[in-house]
C-alpha atoms as a PDB file:
ATOM      1  CA  CYS A   1     158.012-208.264-245.454  1.00  0.00           C
ATOM      2  CA  TRP A   2     157.461-207.296-241.816  1.00  0.00           C
ATOM      3  CA  VAL A   3     157.341-203.588-242.640  1.00  0.00           C
ATOM      4  CA  CYS A   4     153.958-203.971-244.323  1.00  0.00           C
ATOM      5  CA  HIS A   5     152.766-207.371-243.106  1.00  0.00           C
ATOM      6  CA  GLY A   6     153.778-207.246-239.428  1.00  0.00           C
ATOM      7  CA  ASP A   7     156.320-209.096-237.319  1.00  0.00           C
ATOM      8  CA  ASN A   8     154.298-212.312-237.434  1.00  0.00           C
ATOM      9  CA  ALA A   9     152.596-211.755-240.797  1.00  0.00           C
ATOM     10  CA  GLU A  10     149.488-210.614-238.931  1.00  0.00           C
ATOM     11  CA  GLY A  11     148.956-207.677-241.266  1.00  0.00           C
ATOM     12  CA  GLY A  12     149.416-203.963-240.914  1.00  0.00           C
ATOM     13  CA  VAL A  13     149.722-201.690-243.909  1.00  0.00           C
ATOM     14  CA  GLY A  14     149.590-204.879-245.998  1.00  0.00           C
ATOM     15  CA  PRO A  15     147.191-207.770-245.475  1.00  0.00           C
ATOM     16  CA  THR A  16     147.741-210.704-243.168  1.00  0.00           C
ATOM     17  CA  LEU A  17     149.797-213.530-244.612  1.00  0.00           C
ATOM     18  CA  GLN A  18     148.892-215.964-241.871  1.00  0.00           C
ATOM     19  CA  HIS A  19     146.576-217.855-244.224  1.00  0.00           C
ATOM     20  CA  GLY A  20     149.676-219.424-245.754  1.00  0.00           C
ATOM     21  CA  PRO A  21     149.806-218.153-249.335  1.00  0.00           C
ATOM     22  CA  THR A  22     151.293-220.485-251.925  1.00  0.00           C
ATOM     23  CA  PRO A  23     154.410-219.552-253.892  1.00  0.00           C
ATOM     24  CA  MET A  24     152.148-218.896-256.871  1.00  0.00           C
ATOM     25  CA  ASP A  25     150.019-216.507-254.767  1.00  0.00           C
ATOM     26  CA  ILE A  26     153.170-214.666-253.767  1.00  0.00           C
ATOM     27  CA  GLN A  27     154.430-214.520-257.371  1.00  0.00           C
ATOM     28  CA  GLU A  28     151.057-213.209-258.533  1.00  0.00           C
ATOM     29  CA  GLN A  29     151.309-210.335-256.053  1.00  0.00           C
ATOM     30  CA  LEU A  30     154.900-209.618-257.068  1.00  0.00           C
ATOM     31  CA  ASP A  31     153.798-209.451-260.705  1.00  0.00           C
ATOM     32  CA  SER A  32     150.575-207.492-260.284  1.00  0.00           C
ATOM     33  CA  ASN A  33     150.859-205.309-257.186  1.00  0.00           C
ATOM     34  CA  PRO A  34     152.872-202.129-257.856  1.00  0.00           C
ATOM     35  CA  GLN A  35     153.612-201.775-254.135  1.00  0.00           C
ATOM     36  CA  MET A  36     155.585-205.022-254.324  1.00  0.00           C
ATOM     37  CA  GLY A  37     157.899-203.614-256.998  1.00  0.00           C
ATOM     38  CA  VAL A  38     160.613-202.802-254.480  1.00  0.00           C
ATOM     39  CA  ILE A  39     160.715-206.464-253.426  1.00  0.00           C
ATOM     40  CA  VAL A  40     161.253-207.551-257.002  1.00  0.00           C
ATOM     41  CA  THR A  41     163.893-204.883-257.573  1.00  0.00           C
ATOM     42  CA  GLU A  42     165.807-205.435-254.336  1.00  0.00           C
ATOM     43  CA  LEU A  43     165.439-209.188-253.802  1.00  0.00           C
ATOM     44  CA  ASN A  44     164.397-210.645-257.171  1.00  0.00           C
ATOM     45  CA  PRO A  45     163.141-213.869-255.537  1.00  0.00           C
ATOM     46  CA  ASP A  46     163.492-217.080-257.502  1.00  0.00           C
ATOM     47  CA  ALA A  47     161.388-220.240-257.263  1.00  0.00           C
ATOM     48  CA  ASP A  48     163.394-221.562-254.293  1.00  0.00           C
ATOM     49  CA  ASP A  49     162.911-218.274-252.432  1.00  0.00           C
ATOM     50  CA  LEU A  50     159.164-218.368-253.066  1.00  0.00           C
ATOM     51  CA  VAL A  51     158.892-221.950-251.810  1.00  0.00           C
ATOM     52  CA  ALA A  52     160.920-221.117-248.702  1.00  0.00           C
ATOM     53  CA  LEU A  53     158.729-218.103-247.978  1.00  0.00           C
ATOM     54  CA  ALA A  54     155.528-220.105-248.465  1.00  0.00           C
ATOM     55  CA  VAL A  55     156.829-222.855-246.155  1.00  0.00           C
ATOM     56  CA  TYR A  56     157.645-220.254-243.491  1.00  0.00           C
ATOM     57  CA  LEU A  57     154.252-218.574-243.826  1.00  0.00           C
ATOM     58  CA  GLY A  58     152.524-221.949-243.849  1.00  0.00           C
ATOM     59  CA  GLY A  59     154.141-222.664-240.495  1.00  0.00           C
ATOM     60  CA  LEU A  60     152.709-219.437-239.133  1.00  0.00           C
ATOM     61  CA  SER A  61     149.254-220.511-240.236  1.00  0.00           C
ATOM     62  CA  GLY A  62     149.212-223.557-238.024  1.00  0.00           C
ATOM     63  CA  GLY A  63     151.371-226.367-239.170  1.00  0.00           C
ATOM     64  CA  PRO A  64     154.163-227.701-241.295  1.00  0.00           C
ATOM     65  CA  VAL A  65     153.826-227.903-245.038  1.00  0.00           C
ATOM     66  CA  SER A  66     154.092-231.453-246.367  1.00  0.00           C
ATOM     67  CA  ASP A  67     156.835-232.632-248.696  1.00  0.00           C
ATOM     68  CA  THR A  68     154.098-233.532-251.177  1.00  0.00           C
ATOM     69  CA  GLN A  69     152.829-229.954-251.159  1.00  0.00           C
ATOM     70  CA  ILE A  70     156.331-228.567-251.626  1.00  0.00           C
ATOM     71  CA  SER A  71     156.903-230.923-254.556  1.00  0.00           C
ATOM     72  CA  SER A  72     153.629-229.795-256.123  1.00  0.00           C
ATOM     73  CA  TRP A  73     154.604-226.150-255.706  1.00  0.00           C
ATOM     74  CA  ARG A  74     157.978-226.765-257.339  1.00  0.00           C
ATOM     75  CA  THR A  75     156.247-228.408-260.315  1.00  0.00           C
ATOM     76  CA  GLN A  76     153.837-225.493-260.674  1.00  0.00           C
ATOM     77  CA  LEU A  77     156.631-222.930-260.374  1.00  0.00           C
ATOM     78  CA  HIS A  78     158.712-224.777-262.938  1.00  0.00           C
ATOM     79  CA  LEU A  79     155.951-223.959-265.431  1.00  0.00           C
ATOM     80  CA  LEU A  80     156.270-220.250-264.570  1.00  0.00           C
ATOM     81  CA  TYR A  81     160.059-219.998-264.799  1.00  0.00           C
END
């Protein structure tokens, strides 16, 4: 991710991710943004990967993500997968 989004998700070629996108936001970009195709092809992230990434990015945006939020994300992702 750092290649386009910077070492600390501050942005670069790609936008900043420091706002803490949700797993669903990330999945939407993977599905709709052709530039993200290599991520899908090379990594093929699953729901657990998306949650882990969103938790990491949420930490960059200023604080830990709550267990309640993670549980909600998992429920929402379950509907997608």
